[in-house]
């Protein structure tokens, strides 16, 4: 779920809550935070490998793998955990 779009507020949610992939969840949350359509954002691949995000979530945070990845995109800091939680903050 995306929280209220107040400056410097944090937005988070589970990609499984209505999103097909973590990449889609990231783009949808960025668009909501930015108050724009998803196609108005720069392509996600300019900041991070979308396939790598999918592998991160598919592998989960267990087994000693990566538990999260953070990157900047469209003026926001995005964090994706191995459990599939997506957080977008200014």
Protein backbone atom coordinates (compact mmCIF):
# COMPACT_ATOMS: atom_id res chain seq x y z
CA UNK A 1 0.00 0.00 0.00
CA UNK A 2 1.27 3.47 -0.82
CA UNK A 3 0.98 5.89 2.07
CA UNK A 4 -0.05 9.54 1.79
CA UNK A 5 2.11 11.52 -0.59
CA UNK A 6 3.45 14.07 1.86
CA UNK A 7 6.98 15.45 1.43
CA UNK A 8 9.66 13.28 3.02
CA UNK A 9 7.13 10.61 3.94
CA UNK A 10 7.85 6.95 3.38
CA UNK A 11 5.75 4.75 1.12
CA UNK A 12 5.83 0.98 1.32
CA UNK A 13 3.88 -2.15 0.50
CA UNK A 14 3.99 -5.72 -0.64
CA UNK A 15 4.33 -6.42 -4.35
CA UNK A 16 2.10 -9.46 -3.89
CA UNK A 17 -0.76 -7.12 -2.97
CA UNK A 18 -2.05 -6.70 -6.52
CA UNK A 19 1.25 -6.49 -8.43
CA UNK A 20 2.57 -9.13 -10.82
CA UNK A 21 6.25 -8.40 -10.22
CA UNK A 22 8.42 -6.40 -7.86
CA UNK A 23 9.50 -4.21 -10.79
CA UNK A 24 5.87 -3.29 -11.46
CA UNK A 25 5.40 -2.55 -7.75
CA UNK A 26 8.44 -0.25 -7.78
CA UNK A 27 7.24 1.67 -10.86
CA UNK A 28 3.67 1.97 -9.54
CA UNK A 29 4.88 3.29 -6.19
CA UNK A 30 7.23 5.76 -7.84
CA UNK A 31 4.42 7.03 -10.06
CA UNK A 32 2.13 7.42 -7.05
CA UNK A 33 4.83 9.26 -5.10
CA UNK A 34 5.52 11.49 -8.10
CA UNK A 35 1.85 12.06 -8.87
CA UNK A 36 2.26 10.96 -12.48
CA UNK A 37 1.53 8.09 -14.83
CA UNK A 38 4.02 5.24 -14.94
CA UNK A 39 4.96 6.09 -18.54
CA UNK A 40 6.09 9.57 -17.44
CA UNK A 41 8.92 8.05 -15.38
CA UNK A 42 12.36 7.26 -16.80
CA UNK A 43 12.76 3.55 -17.58
CA UNK A 44 13.62 1.54 -14.46
CA UNK A 45 16.54 -0.18 -16.21
CA UNK A 46 18.42 3.13 -16.20
CA UNK A 47 18.88 2.78 -12.44
CA UNK A 48 18.71 -0.95 -11.70
CA UNK A 49 18.46 -4.29 -13.46
CA UNK A 50 14.75 -5.27 -13.20
CA UNK A 51 15.63 -8.96 -13.63
CA UNK A 52 17.98 -8.72 -10.66
CA UNK A 53 15.15 -7.30 -8.55
CA UNK A 54 12.96 -10.24 -9.50
CA UNK A 55 15.74 -12.70 -8.60
CA UNK A 56 16.21 -10.97 -5.24
CA UNK A 57 12.57 -11.50 -4.33
CA UNK A 58 12.41 -14.99 -5.85
CA UNK A 59 15.38 -16.00 -3.70
CA UNK A 60 13.90 -14.48 -0.55
CA UNK A 61 15.96 -13.19 2.32
CA UNK A 62 16.82 -16.63 3.70
CA UNK A 63 19.80 -18.86 2.90
CA UNK A 64 22.31 -16.08 3.52
CA UNK A 65 21.39 -14.24 0.32
CA UNK A 66 20.91 -10.52 -0.05
CA UNK A 67 18.21 -9.22 2.23
CA UNK A 68 17.69 -5.89 0.46
CA UNK A 69 18.80 -3.61 -2.32
CA UNK A 70 18.53 0.18 -2.41
CA UNK A 71 18.86 2.50 -5.38
CA UNK A 72 17.83 5.97 -6.51
CA UNK A 73 15.34 6.45 -9.31
CA UNK A 74 13.27 9.45 -10.46
CA UNK A 75 14.41 11.50 -7.47
CA UNK A 76 13.43 8.89 -4.86
CA UNK A 77 15.29 6.32 -2.80
CA UNK A 78 13.87 2.85 -3.40
CA UNK A 79 14.49 -0.15 -1.14
CA UNK A 80 13.39 -3.67 -2.06
CA UNK A 81 13.78 -6.48 0.47
CA UNK A 82 14.21 -10.17 -0.25
CA UNK A 83 10.72 -10.62 1.17
CA UNK A 84 9.27 -8.38 -1.56
CA UNK A 85 8.62 -5.25 0.50
CA UNK A 86 9.04 -2.07 -1.55
CA UNK A 87 9.74 1.26 0.16
CA UNK A 88 9.95 4.58 -1.68
CA UNK A 89 11.07 7.74 0.11
CA UNK A 90 12.25 11.21 -0.83
